[in-house]
């Protein structure tokens, strides 16, 4: 995607401090931003409220959403991919509430080539 001239931006629910340590640890080829306050997730319509029972289940797997985000909102974004043109208009979106089902890299690359 970068080779095609796209700028890749990833958005995480992790708090800014955690994002900063991730950026320091790994040499990423994309930008990574925090949405710990859920503003972007809500604006894109991909914010999903997590029930208390599921929050407890995640904690049993050593995943503490409140600790990671630094917030108590119990919101996770639905995994999504957006291709936005230079004018800020969404040209393509892939949103699937089943976090186990992700867009194939081949489909995403072909779509990016068509939209270029």
PDB file of N, CA and C in Angstrom:
ATOM      1  N   UNK A   1       0.821  -1.186   0.000  1.00  0.00           N
ATOM      2  CA  UNK A   1       0.000   0.000   0.000  1.00  0.00           C
ATOM      3  C   UNK A   1       0.872   1.260   0.000  1.00  0.00           C
ATOM      4  N   UNK A   2       1.914   1.239   0.813  1.00  0.00           N
ATOM      5  CA  UNK A   2       2.812   2.396   0.862  1.00  0.00           C
ATOM      6  C   UNK A   2       3.464   2.601  -0.495  1.00  0.00           C
ATOM      7  N   UNK A   3       3.798   1.482  -1.159  1.00  0.00           N
ATOM      8  CA  UNK A   3       4.424   1.555  -2.482  1.00  0.00           C
ATOM      9  C   UNK A   3       3.492   2.200  -3.507  1.00  0.00           C
ATOM     10  N   UNK A   4       2.175   2.117  -3.273  1.00  0.00           N
ATOM     11  CA  UNK A   4       1.195   2.726  -4.174  1.00  0.00           C
ATOM     12  C   UNK A   4       0.976   4.199  -3.873  1.00  0.00           C
ATOM     13  N   UNK A   5       1.617   4.695  -2.828  1.00  0.00           N
ATOM     14  CA  UNK A   5       1.484   6.100  -2.470  1.00  0.00           C
ATOM     15  C   UNK A   5       0.472   6.370  -1.365  1.00  0.00           C
ATOM     16  N   UNK A   6      -0.040   5.322  -0.765  1.00  0.00           N
ATOM     17  CA  UNK A   6      -0.993   5.502   0.330  1.00  0.00           C
ATOM     18  C   UNK A   6      -0.270   5.773   1.637  1.00  0.00           C
ATOM     19  N   UNK A   7      -0.886   6.563   2.468  1.00  0.00           N
ATOM     20  CA  UNK A   7      -0.409   6.785   3.829  1.00  0.00           C
ATOM     21  C   UNK A   7      -1.266   5.886   4.716  1.00  0.00           C
ATOM     22  N   UNK A   8      -0.642   5.046   5.512  1.00  0.00           N
ATOM     23  CA  UNK A   8      -1.370   4.114   6.365  1.00  0.00           C
ATOM     24  C   UNK A   8      -1.418   4.662   7.778  1.00  0.00           C
ATOM     25  N   UNK A   9      -2.629   4.700   8.310  1.00  0.00           N
ATOM     26  CA  UNK A   9      -2.846   5.184   9.667  1.00  0.00           C
ATOM     27  C   UNK A   9      -3.611   4.108  10.428  1.00  0.00           C
ATOM     28  N   UNK A  10      -3.102   3.725  11.585  1.00  0.00           N
ATOM     29  CA  UNK A  10      -3.779   2.756  12.447  1.00  0.00           C
ATOM     30  C   UNK A  10      -4.256   3.483  13.694  1.00  0.00           C
ATOM     31  N   UNK A  11      -5.420   3.062  14.174  1.00  0.00           N
ATOM     32  CA  UNK A  11      -5.990   3.683  15.358  1.00  0.00           C
ATOM     33  C   UNK A  11      -6.252   2.596  16.384  1.00  0.00           C
ATOM     34  N   UNK A  12      -5.765   2.828  17.601  1.00  0.00           N
ATOM     35  CA  UNK A  12      -5.865   1.859  18.685  1.00  0.00           C
ATOM     36  C   UNK A  12      -6.631   2.454  19.856  1.00  0.00           C
ATOM     37  N   UNK A  13      -7.269   1.585  20.628  1.00  0.00           N
ATOM     38  CA  UNK A  13      -7.961   2.039  21.835  1.00  0.00           C
ATOM     39  C   UNK A  13      -6.983   2.230  23.000  1.00  0.00           C
ATOM     40  N   UNK A  14      -5.740   1.825  22.823  1.00  0.00           N
ATOM     41  CA  UNK A  14      -4.744   1.986  23.887  1.00  0.00           C
ATOM     42  C   UNK A  14      -4.530   3.462  24.190  1.00  0.00           C
ATOM     43  N   UNK A  15      -4.167   3.740  25.445  1.00  0.00           N
ATOM     44  CA  UNK A  15      -3.931   5.131  25.834  1.00  0.00           C
ATOM     45  C   UNK A  15      -2.664   5.661  25.162  1.00  0.00           C
ATOM     46  N   UNK A  16      -2.515   6.983  25.086  1.00  0.00           N
ATOM     47  CA  UNK A  16      -1.370   7.571  24.390  1.00  0.00           C
ATOM     48  C   UNK A  16      -0.008   7.102  24.903  1.00  0.00           C
ATOM     49  N   UNK A  17       0.122   6.869  26.201  1.00  0.00           N
ATOM     50  CA  UNK A  17       1.403   6.423  26.746  1.00  0.00           C
ATOM     51  C   UNK A  17       1.769   5.033  26.217  1.00  0.00           C
ATOM     52  N   UNK A  18       0.785   4.152  26.147  1.00  0.00           N
ATOM     53  CA  UNK A  18       1.033   2.802  25.630  1.00  0.00           C
ATOM     54  C   UNK A  18       1.385   2.860  24.139  1.00  0.00           C
ATOM     55  N   UNK A  19       0.693   3.723  23.408  1.00  0.00           N
ATOM     56  CA  UNK A  19       0.988   3.904  21.984  1.00  0.00           C
ATOM     57  C   UNK A  19       2.432   4.371  21.824  1.00  0.00           C
ATOM     58  N   UNK A  20       2.834   5.313  22.640  1.00  0.00           N
ATOM     59  CA  UNK A  20       4.188   5.860  22.571  1.00  0.00           C
ATOM     60  C   UNK A  20       5.233   4.775  22.796  1.00  0.00           C
ATOM     61  N   UNK A  21       5.006   3.898  23.782  1.00  0.00           N
ATOM     62  CA  UNK A  21       5.972   2.830  24.045  1.00  0.00           C
ATOM     63  C   UNK A  21       5.989   1.815  22.903  1.00  0.00           C
ATOM     64  N   UNK A  22       4.839   1.581  22.266  1.00  0.00           N
ATOM     65  CA  UNK A  22       4.782   0.680  21.117  1.00  0.00           C
ATOM     66  C   UNK A  22       5.580   1.260  19.958  1.00  0.00           C
ATOM     67  N   UNK A  23       5.417   2.548  19.720  1.00  0.00           N
ATOM     68  CA  UNK A  23       6.153   3.204  18.639  1.00  0.00           C
ATOM     69  C   UNK A  23       7.658   3.166  18.893  1.00  0.00           C
ATOM     70  N   UNK A  24       8.051   3.324  20.154  1.00  0.00           N
ATOM     71  CA  UNK A  24       9.465   3.269  20.505  1.00  0.00           C
ATOM     72  C   UNK A  24      10.039   1.869  20.326  1.00  0.00           C
ATOM     73  N   UNK A  25       9.226   0.858  20.595  1.00  0.00           N
ATOM     74  CA  UNK A  25       9.679  -0.533  20.571  1.00  0.00           C
ATOM     75  C   UNK A  25       9.799  -1.099  19.153  1.00  0.00           C
ATOM     76  N   UNK A  26       8.852  -0.738  18.291  1.00  0.00           N
ATOM     77  CA  UNK A  26       8.809  -1.303  16.937  1.00  0.00           C
ATOM     78  C   UNK A  26       9.022  -0.208  15.903  1.00  0.00           C
ATOM     79  N   UNK A  27       9.691  -0.564  14.831  1.00  0.00           N
ATOM     80  CA  UNK A  27       9.884   0.389  13.738  1.00  0.00           C
ATOM     81  C   UNK A  27       8.741   0.181  12.738  1.00  0.00           C
ATOM     82  N   UNK A  28       7.663   0.920  12.953  1.00  0.00           N
ATOM     83  CA  UNK A  28       6.472   0.752  12.138  1.00  0.00           C
ATOM     84  C   UNK A  28       6.564   1.572  10.859  1.00  0.00           C
ATOM     85  N   UNK A  29       5.934   1.056   9.817  1.00  0.00           N
ATOM     86  CA  UNK A  29       5.901   1.771   8.546  1.00  0.00           C
ATOM     87  C   UNK A  29       4.579   2.512   8.373  1.00  0.00           C
ATOM     88  N   UNK A  30       3.883   2.699   9.461  1.00  0.00           N
ATOM     89  CA  UNK A  30       2.618   3.422   9.425  1.00  0.00           C
ATOM     90  C   UNK A  30       2.486   4.243  10.699  1.00  0.00           C
ATOM     91  N   UNK A  31       1.544   5.166  10.675  1.00  0.00           N
ATOM     92  CA  UNK A  31       1.307   6.001  11.849  1.00  0.00           C
ATOM     93  C   UNK A  31       0.296   5.312  12.756  1.00  0.00           C
ATOM     94  N   UNK A  32       0.485   5.443  14.049  1.00  0.00           N
ATOM     95  CA  UNK A  32      -0.382   4.815  15.042  1.00  0.00           C
ATOM     96  C   UNK A  32      -0.856   5.883  16.017  1.00  0.00           C
ATOM     97  N   UNK A  33      -2.183   5.973  16.167  1.00  0.00           N
ATOM     98  CA  UNK A  33      -2.773   6.984  17.032  1.00  0.00           C
ATOM     99  C   UNK A  33      -3.684   6.334  18.064  1.00  0.00           C
ATOM    100  N   UNK A  34      -3.862   7.025  19.171  1.00  0.00           N
ATOM    101  CA  UNK A  34      -4.737   6.558  20.237  1.00  0.00           C
ATOM    102  C   UNK A  34      -6.141   7.127  20.061  1.00  0.00           C
ATOM    103  N   UNK A  35      -7.132   6.264  20.255  1.00  0.00           N
ATOM    104  CA  UNK A  35      -8.532   6.683  20.307  1.00  0.00           C
ATOM    105  C   UNK A  35      -9.113   6.223  21.640  1.00  0.00           C
ATOM    106  N   UNK A  36      -8.343   6.385  22.700  1.00  0.00           N
ATOM    107  CA  UNK A  36      -8.766   5.891  24.012  1.00  0.00           C
ATOM    108  C   UNK A  36     -10.060   6.543  24.491  1.00  0.00           C
ATOM    109  N   UNK A  37     -10.359   7.729  24.001  1.00  0.00           N
ATOM    110  CA  UNK A  37     -11.596   8.418  24.402  1.00  0.00           C
ATOM    111  C   UNK A  37     -12.747   8.099  23.442  1.00  0.00           C
ATOM    112  N   UNK A  38     -12.508   7.264  22.441  1.00  0.00           N
ATOM    113  CA  UNK A  38     -13.492   6.732  21.481  1.00  0.00           C
ATOM    114  C   UNK A  38     -14.085   7.748  20.517  1.00  0.00           C
ATOM    115  N   UNK A  39     -13.493   8.917  20.375  1.00  0.00           N
ATOM    116  CA  UNK A  39     -14.041   9.935  19.476  1.00  0.00           C
ATOM    117  C   UNK A  39     -14.054   9.471  18.020  1.00  0.00           C
ATOM    118  N   UNK A  40     -12.968   8.874  17.563  1.00  0.00           N
ATOM    119  CA  UNK A  40     -12.878   8.426  16.170  1.00  0.00           C
ATOM    120  C   UNK A  40     -13.816   7.245  15.934  1.00  0.00           C
ATOM    121  N   UNK A  41     -13.822   6.290  16.840  1.00  0.00           N
ATOM    122  CA  UNK A  41     -14.697   5.122  16.698  1.00  0.00           C
ATOM    123  C   UNK A  41     -16.161   5.537  16.604  1.00  0.00           C
ATOM    124  N   UNK A  42     -16.547   6.476  17.421  1.00  0.00           N
ATOM    125  CA  UNK A  42     -17.932   6.966  17.385  1.00  0.00           C
ATOM    126  C   UNK A  42     -18.212   7.712  16.083  1.00  0.00           C
ATOM    127  N   UNK A  43     -17.274   8.543  15.646  1.00  0.00           N
ATOM    128  CA  UNK A  43     -17.467   9.319  14.418  1.00  0.00           C
ATOM    129  C   UNK A  43     -17.608   8.413  13.192  1.00  0.00           C
ATOM    130  N   UNK A  44     -16.868   7.317  13.175  1.00  0.00           N
ATOM    131  CA  UNK A  44     -16.934   6.381  12.054  1.00  0.00           C
ATOM    132  C   UNK A  44     -18.056   5.354  12.211  1.00  0.00           C
ATOM    133  N   UNK A  45     -18.756   5.398  13.334  1.00  0.00           N
ATOM    134  CA  UNK A  45     -19.869   4.477  13.549  1.00  0.00           C
ATOM    135  C   UNK A  45     -19.444   3.054  13.820  1.00  0.00           C
ATOM    136  N   UNK A  46     -18.260   2.877  14.392  1.00  0.00           N
ATOM    137  CA  UNK A  46     -17.747   1.525  14.640  1.00  0.00           C
ATOM    138  C   UNK A  46     -17.541   1.250  16.130  1.00  0.00           C
ATOM    139  N   UNK A  47     -18.077   2.127  16.988  1.00  0.00           N
ATOM    140  CA  UNK A  47     -17.944   1.938  18.432  1.00  0.00           C
ATOM    141  C   UNK A  47     -18.954   0.893  18.898  1.00  0.00           C
ATOM    142  N   UNK A  48     -18.489  -0.056  19.665  1.00  0.00           N
ATOM    143  CA  UNK A  48     -19.345  -1.137  20.151  1.00  0.00           C
ATOM    144  C   UNK A  48     -19.202  -1.226  21.670  1.00  0.00           C
ATOM    145  N   UNK A  49     -20.329  -1.145  22.378  1.00  0.00           N
ATOM    146  CA  UNK A  49     -20.314  -1.230  23.836  1.00  0.00           C
ATOM    147  C   UNK A  49     -20.088  -2.673  24.266  1.00  0.00           C
ATOM    148  N   UNK A  50     -19.203  -2.868  25.224  1.00  0.00           N
ATOM    149  CA  UNK A  50     -18.876  -4.202  25.742  1.00  0.00           C
ATOM    150  C   UNK A  50     -19.600  -4.381  27.082  1.00  0.00           C
ATOM    151  N   UNK A  51     -20.441  -5.403  27.166  1.00  0.00           N
ATOM    152  CA  UNK A  51     -21.189  -5.697  28.391  1.00  0.00           C
ATOM    153  C   UNK A  51     -20.227  -6.107  29.512  1.00  0.00           C
ATOM    154  N   UNK A  52     -20.649  -5.912  30.760  1.00  0.00           N
ATOM    155  CA  UNK A  52     -19.808  -6.238  31.920  1.00  0.00           C
ATOM    156  C   UNK A  52     -19.376  -7.698  31.940  1.00  0.00           C
ATOM    157  N   UNK A  53     -20.259  -8.611  31.555  1.00  0.00           N
ATOM    158  CA  UNK A  53     -19.909 -10.043  31.562  1.00  0.00           C
ATOM    159  C   UNK A  53     -18.741 -10.314  30.613  1.00  0.00           C
ATOM    160  N   UNK A  54     -18.760  -9.652  29.458  1.00  0.00           N
ATOM    161  CA  UNK A  54     -17.667  -9.844  28.495  1.00  0.00           C
ATOM    162  C   UNK A  54     -16.386  -9.179  28.989  1.00  0.00           C
ATOM    163  N   UNK A  55     -16.539  -8.044  29.661  1.00  0.00           N
ATOM    164  CA  UNK A  55     -15.371  -7.381  30.250  1.00  0.00           C
ATOM    165  C   UNK A  55     -14.678  -8.325  31.230  1.00  0.00           C
ATOM    166  N   UNK A  56     -15.455  -9.021  32.043  1.00  0.00           N
ATOM    167  CA  UNK A  56     -14.898  -9.974  33.008  1.00  0.00           C
ATOM    168  C   UNK A  56     -14.224 -11.142  32.299  1.00  0.00           C
ATOM    169  N   UNK A  57     -14.846 -11.595  31.222  1.00  0.00           N
ATOM    170  CA  UNK A  57     -14.259 -12.691  30.442  1.00  0.00           C
ATOM    171  C   UNK A  57     -12.900 -12.271  29.881  1.00  0.00           C
ATOM    172  N   UNK A  58     -12.828 -11.057  29.348  1.00  0.00           N
ATOM    173  CA  UNK A  58     -11.558 -10.550  28.824  1.00  0.00           C
ATOM    174  C   UNK A  58     -10.504 -10.466  29.930  1.00  0.00           C
ATOM    175  N   UNK A  59     -10.923 -10.012  31.101  1.00  0.00           N
ATOM    176  CA  UNK A  59      -9.980  -9.933  32.226  1.00  0.00           C
ATOM    177  C   UNK A  59      -9.437 -11.307  32.588  1.00  0.00           C
ATOM    178  N   UNK A  60     -10.268 -12.347  32.426  1.00  0.00           N
ATOM    179  CA  UNK A  60      -9.799 -13.710  32.725  1.00  0.00           C
ATOM    180  C   UNK A  60      -8.713 -14.147  31.743  1.00  0.00           C
ATOM    181  N   UNK A  61      -8.654 -13.485  30.588  1.00  0.00           N
ATOM    182  CA  UNK A  61      -7.605 -13.743  29.592  1.00  0.00           C
ATOM    183  C   UNK A  61      -6.468 -12.732  29.716  1.00  0.00           C
ATOM    184  N   UNK A  62      -6.445 -12.011  30.830  1.00  0.00           N
ATOM    185  CA  UNK A  62      -5.413 -11.002  31.086  1.00  0.00           C
ATOM    186  C   UNK A  62      -5.518  -9.801  30.143  1.00  0.00           C
ATOM    187  N   UNK A  63      -6.733  -9.481  29.723  1.00  0.00           N
ATOM    188  CA  UNK A  63      -6.975  -8.330  28.856  1.00  0.00           C
ATOM    189  C   UNK A  63      -7.869  -7.352  29.621  1.00  0.00           C
ATOM    190  N   UNK A  64      -7.303  -6.257  30.048  1.00  0.00           N
ATOM    191  CA  UNK A  64      -8.036  -5.267  30.826  1.00  0.00           C
ATOM    192  C   UNK A  64      -8.239  -4.015  29.969  1.00  0.00           C
ATOM    193  N   UNK A  65      -9.447  -3.883  29.417  1.00  0.00           N
ATOM    194  CA  UNK A  65      -9.727  -2.761  28.525  1.00  0.00           C
ATOM    195  C   UNK A  65      -9.599  -1.419  29.220  1.00  0.00           C
ATOM    196  N   UNK A  66     -10.035  -1.357  30.468  1.00  0.00           N
ATOM    197  CA  UNK A  66      -9.944  -0.092  31.207  1.00  0.00           C
ATOM    198  C   UNK A  66      -8.485   0.294  31.441  1.00  0.00           C
ATOM    199  N   UNK A  67      -7.673  -0.683  31.784  1.00  0.00           N
ATOM    200  CA  UNK A  67      -6.248  -0.399  32.020  1.00  0.00           C
ATOM    201  C   UNK A  67      -5.560   0.003  30.715  1.00  0.00           C
ATOM    202  N   UNK A  68      -5.878  -0.692  29.626  1.00  0.00           N
ATOM    203  CA  UNK A  68      -5.244  -0.400  28.332  1.00  0.00           C
ATOM    204  C   UNK A  68      -5.615   0.982  27.803  1.00  0.00           C
ATOM    205  N   UNK A  69      -6.898   1.316  27.916  1.00  0.00           N
ATOM    206  CA  UNK A  69      -7.353   2.596  27.362  1.00  0.00           C
ATOM    207  C   UNK A  69      -7.196   3.741  28.360  1.00  0.00           C
ATOM    208  N   UNK A  70      -7.176   3.402  29.657  1.00  0.00           N
ATOM    209  CA  UNK A  70      -7.145   4.443  30.679  1.00  0.00           C
ATOM    210  C   UNK A  70      -8.510   5.066  30.879  1.00  0.00           C
ATOM    211  N   UNK A  71      -9.540   4.430  30.347  1.00  0.00           N
ATOM    212  CA  UNK A  71     -10.905   4.948  30.403  1.00  0.00           C
ATOM    213  C   UNK A  71     -11.846   3.858  30.918  1.00  0.00           C
ATOM    214  N   UNK A  72     -13.039   4.262  31.339  1.00  0.00           N
ATOM    215  CA  UNK A  72     -14.024   3.309  31.861  1.00  0.00           C
ATOM    216  C   UNK A  72     -15.259   3.226  30.968  1.00  0.00           C
ATOM    217  N   UNK A  73     -15.104   3.516  29.678  1.00  0.00           N
ATOM    218  CA  UNK A  73     -16.254   3.577  28.777  1.00  0.00           C
ATOM    219  C   UNK A  73     -16.749   2.214  28.285  1.00  0.00           C
ATOM    220  N   UNK A  74     -15.948   1.176  28.369  1.00  0.00           N
ATOM    221  CA  UNK A  74     -16.323  -0.177  27.928  1.00  0.00           C
ATOM    222  C   UNK A  74     -16.699  -0.213  26.454  1.00  0.00           C
ATOM    223  N   UNK A  75     -15.953   0.490  25.641  1.00  0.00           N
ATOM    224  CA  UNK A  75     -16.211   0.529  24.199  1.00  0.00           C
ATOM    225  C   UNK A  75     -14.995  -0.008  23.458  1.00  0.00           C
ATOM    226  N   UNK A  76     -15.270  -0.847  22.467  1.00  0.00           N
ATOM    227  CA  UNK A  76     -14.247  -1.329  21.548  1.00  0.00           C
ATOM    228  C   UNK A  76     -14.689  -0.977  20.132  1.00  0.00           C
ATOM    229  N   UNK A  77     -13.737  -0.700  19.247  1.00  0.00           N
ATOM    230  CA  UNK A  77     -14.125  -0.465  17.863  1.00  0.00           C
ATOM    231  C   UNK A  77     -14.316  -1.796  17.139  1.00  0.00           C
ATOM    232  N   UNK A  78     -15.232  -1.811  16.191  1.00  0.00           N
ATOM    233  CA  UNK A  78     -15.368  -2.959  15.308  1.00  0.00           C
ATOM    234  C   UNK A  78     -14.171  -2.899  14.359  1.00  0.00           C
ATOM    235  N   UNK A  79     -13.448  -4.007  14.170  1.00  0.00           N
ATOM    236  CA  UNK A  79     -12.305  -3.982  13.246  1.00  0.00           C
ATOM    237  C   UNK A  79     -12.741  -3.492  11.863  1.00  0.00           C
ATOM    238  N   UNK A  80     -12.028  -2.519  11.341  1.00  0.00           N
ATOM    239  CA  UNK A  80     -12.434  -1.857  10.103  1.00  0.00           C
ATOM    240  C   UNK A  80     -11.229  -1.410   9.301  1.00  0.00           C
ATOM    241  N   UNK A  81     -11.453  -1.270   7.993  1.00  0.00           N
ATOM    242  CA  UNK A  81     -10.454  -0.708   7.088  1.00  0.00           C
ATOM    243  C   UNK A  81     -11.170   0.324   6.227  1.00  0.00           C
ATOM    244  N   UNK A  82     -10.582   1.494   6.109  1.00  0.00           N
ATOM    245  CA  UNK A  82     -11.139   2.548   5.271  1.00  0.00           C
ATOM    246  C   UNK A  82     -10.050   3.013   4.312  1.00  0.00           C
ATOM    247  N   UNK A  83     -10.433   3.256   3.069  1.00  0.00           N
ATOM    248  CA  UNK A  83      -9.540   3.917   2.118  1.00  0.00           C
ATOM    249  C   UNK A  83     -10.173   5.272   1.851  1.00  0.00           C
ATOM    250  N   UNK A  84      -9.402   6.314   2.162  1.00  0.00           N
ATOM    251  CA  UNK A  84      -9.888   7.690   2.071  1.00  0.00           C
ATOM    252  C   UNK A  84      -9.072   8.412   1.010  1.00  0.00           C
ATOM    253  N   UNK A  85      -9.753   9.172   0.151  1.00  0.00           N
ATOM    254  CA  UNK A  85      -9.024   9.891  -0.889  1.00  0.00           C
ATOM    255  C   UNK A  85      -8.409  11.177  -0.340  1.00  0.00           C
ATOM    256  N   UNK A  86      -7.704  11.898  -1.184  1.00  0.00           N
ATOM    257  CA  UNK A  86      -7.014  13.117  -0.781  1.00  0.00           C
ATOM    258  C   UNK A  86      -7.932  14.229  -0.312  1.00  0.00           C
ATOM    259  N   UNK A  87      -9.225  14.112  -0.618  1.00  0.00           N
ATOM    260  CA  UNK A  87     -10.201  15.117  -0.189  1.00  0.00           C
ATOM    261  C   UNK A  87     -10.897  14.719   1.109  1.00  0.00           C
ATOM    262  N   UNK A  88     -10.508  13.562   1.663  1.00  0.00           N
ATOM    263  CA  UNK A  88     -11.102  13.107   2.920  1.00  0.00           C
ATOM    264  C   UNK A  88     -12.391  12.327   2.750  1.00  0.00           C
ATOM    265  N   UNK A  89     -12.677  11.905   1.518  1.00  0.00           N
ATOM    266  CA  UNK A  89     -13.898  11.151   1.240  1.00  0.00           C
ATOM    267  C   UNK A  89     -13.594   9.653   1.293  1.00  0.00           C
ATOM    268  N   UNK A  90     -14.402   8.920   2.039  1.00  0.00           N
ATOM    269  CA  UNK A  90     -14.212   7.469   2.116  1.00  0.00           C
ATOM    270  C   UNK A  90     -14.593   6.849   0.777  1.00  0.00           C
ATOM    271  N   UNK A  91     -13.643   6.168   0.151  1.00  0.00           N
ATOM    272  CA  UNK A  91     -13.864   5.513  -1.131  1.00  0.00           C
ATOM    273  C   UNK A  91     -14.140   4.018  -0.971  1.00  0.00           C
ATOM    274  N   UNK A  92     -13.722   3.459   0.158  1.00  0.00           N
ATOM    275  CA  UNK A  92     -13.909   2.029   0.411  1.00  0.00           C
ATOM    276  C   UNK A  92     -13.928   1.822   1.915  1.00  0.00           C
ATOM    277  N   UNK A  93     -14.785   0.909   2.351  1.00  0.00           N
ATOM    278  CA  UNK A  93     -14.765   0.545   3.765  1.00  0.00           C
ATOM    279  C   UNK A  93     -15.058  -0.940   3.904  1.00  0.00           C
ATOM    280  N   UNK A  94     -14.394  -1.535   4.859  1.00  0.00           N
ATOM    281  CA  UNK A  94     -14.645  -2.929   5.231  1.00  0.00           C
ATOM    282  C   UNK A  94     -14.839  -2.933   6.736  1.00  0.00           C
ATOM    283  N   UNK A  95     -16.021  -3.340   7.169  1.00  0.00           N
ATOM    284  CA  UNK A  95     -16.350  -3.386   8.593  1.00  0.00           C
ATOM    285  C   UNK A  95     -17.004  -4.732   8.856  1.00  0.00           C
ATOM    286  N   UNK A  96     -16.467  -5.471   9.825  1.00  0.00           N
ATOM    287  CA  UNK A  96     -17.056  -6.766  10.162  1.00  0.00           C
ATOM    288  C   UNK A  96     -17.058  -6.908  11.683  1.00  0.00           C
ATOM    289  N   UNK A  97     -18.239  -7.012  12.285  1.00  0.00           N
ATOM    290  CA  UNK A  97     -18.306  -7.127  13.744  1.00  0.00           C
ATOM    291  C   UNK A  97     -17.645  -8.386  14.300  1.00  0.00           C
ATOM    292  N   UNK A  98     -17.434  -9.388  13.457  1.00  0.00           N
ATOM    293  CA  UNK A  98     -16.734 -10.600  13.899  1.00  0.00           C
ATOM    294  C   UNK A  98     -15.234 -10.348  13.779  1.00  0.00           C
ATOM    295  N   UNK A  99     -14.606 -10.060  14.897  1.00  0.00           N
ATOM    296  CA  UNK A  99     -13.185  -9.685  14.886  1.00  0.00           C
ATOM    297  C   UNK A  99     -12.283 -10.784  14.323  1.00  0.00           C
ATOM    298  N   UNK A 100     -12.794 -12.002  14.219  1.00  0.00           N
ATOM    299  CA  UNK A 100     -11.995 -13.109  13.678  1.00  0.00           C
ATOM    300  C   UNK A 100     -11.955 -13.089  12.156  1.00  0.00           C
ATOM    301  N   UNK A 101     -12.872 -12.350  11.539  1.00  0.00           N
ATOM    302  CA  UNK A 101     -12.951 -12.293  10.082  1.00  0.00           C
ATOM    303  C   UNK A 101     -12.371 -10.953   9.627  1.00  0.00           C
ATOM    304  N   UNK A 102     -11.254 -11.010   8.965  1.00  0.00           N
ATOM    305  CA  UNK A 102     -10.581  -9.793   8.495  1.00  0.00           C
ATOM    306  C   UNK A 102     -10.530  -9.803   6.971  1.00  0.00           C
ATOM    307  N   UNK A 103     -10.400  -8.639   6.387  1.00  0.00           N
ATOM    308  CA  UNK A 103     -10.278  -8.539   4.949  1.00  0.00           C
ATOM    309  C   UNK A 103      -8.960  -9.177   4.513  1.00  0.00           C
ATOM    310  N   UNK A 104      -8.981  -9.868   3.403  1.00  0.00           N
ATOM    311  CA  UNK A 104      -7.743 -10.487   2.921  1.00  0.00           C
ATOM    312  C   UNK A 104      -6.817  -9.398   2.391  1.00  0.00           C
ATOM    313  N   UNK A 105      -5.549  -9.592   2.574  1.00  0.00           N
ATOM    314  CA  UNK A 105      -4.576  -8.602   2.100  1.00  0.00           C
ATOM    315  C   UNK A 105      -4.637  -8.486   0.578  1.00  0.00           C
ATOM    316  N   UNK A 106      -4.919  -9.597  -0.101  1.00  0.00           N
ATOM    317  CA  UNK A 106      -5.011  -9.578  -1.560  1.00  0.00           C
ATOM    318  C   UNK A 106      -6.173  -8.693  -2.015  1.00  0.00           C
ATOM    319  N   UNK A 107      -7.342  -8.850  -1.387  1.00  0.00           N
ATOM    320  CA  UNK A 107      -8.508  -8.033  -1.742  1.00  0.00           C
ATOM    321  C   UNK A 107      -8.242  -6.561  -1.446  1.00  0.00           C
ATOM    322  N   UNK A 108      -7.658  -6.275  -0.315  1.00  0.00           N
ATOM    323  CA  UNK A 108      -7.365  -4.892   0.043  1.00  0.00           C
ATOM    324  C   UNK A 108      -6.393  -4.262  -0.943  1.00  0.00           C
ATOM    325  N   UNK A 109      -5.347  -4.984  -1.302  1.00  0.00           N
ATOM    326  CA  UNK A 109      -4.357  -4.463  -2.246  1.00  0.00           C
ATOM    327  C   UNK A 109      -4.979  -4.223  -3.614  1.00  0.00           C
ATOM    328  N   UNK A 110      -5.781  -5.156  -4.100  1.00  0.00           N
ATOM    329  CA  UNK A 110      -6.436  -4.990  -5.402  1.00  0.00           C
ATOM    330  C   UNK A 110      -7.390  -3.806  -5.387  1.00  0.00           C
ATOM    331  N   UNK A 111      -8.109  -3.646  -4.298  1.00  0.00           N
ATOM    332  CA  UNK A 111      -9.020  -2.500  -4.172  1.00  0.00           C
ATOM    333  C   UNK A 111      -8.249  -1.190  -4.183  1.00  0.00           C
ATOM    334  N   UNK A 112      -7.141  -1.159  -3.458  1.00  0.00           N
ATOM    335  CA  UNK A 112      -6.307   0.051  -3.414  1.00  0.00           C
ATOM    336  C   UNK A 112      -5.767   0.393  -4.798  1.00  0.00           C
ATOM    337  N   UNK A 113      -5.380  -0.620  -5.557  1.00  0.00           N
ATOM    338  CA  UNK A 113      -4.873  -0.380  -6.919  1.00  0.00           C
ATOM    339  C   UNK A 113      -5.974   0.198  -7.815  1.00  0.00           C
ATOM    340  N   UNK A 114      -7.195  -0.332  -7.692  1.00  0.00           N
ATOM    341  CA  UNK A 114      -8.305   0.150  -8.515  1.00  0.00           C
ATOM    342  C   UNK A 114      -8.642   1.600  -8.175  1.00  0.00           C
ATOM    343  N   UNK A 115      -8.596   1.926  -6.901  1.00  0.00           N
ATOM    344  CA  UNK A 115      -8.963   3.276  -6.472  1.00  0.00           C
ATOM    345  C   UNK A 115      -7.877   4.318  -6.731  1.00  0.00           C
ATOM    346  N   UNK A 116      -6.679   3.886  -6.979  1.00  0.00           N
ATOM    347  CA  UNK A 116      -5.541   4.804  -7.172  1.00  0.00           C
ATOM    348  C   UNK A 116      -5.708   5.641  -8.381  1.00  0.00           C
TER     349      UNK A 116
END
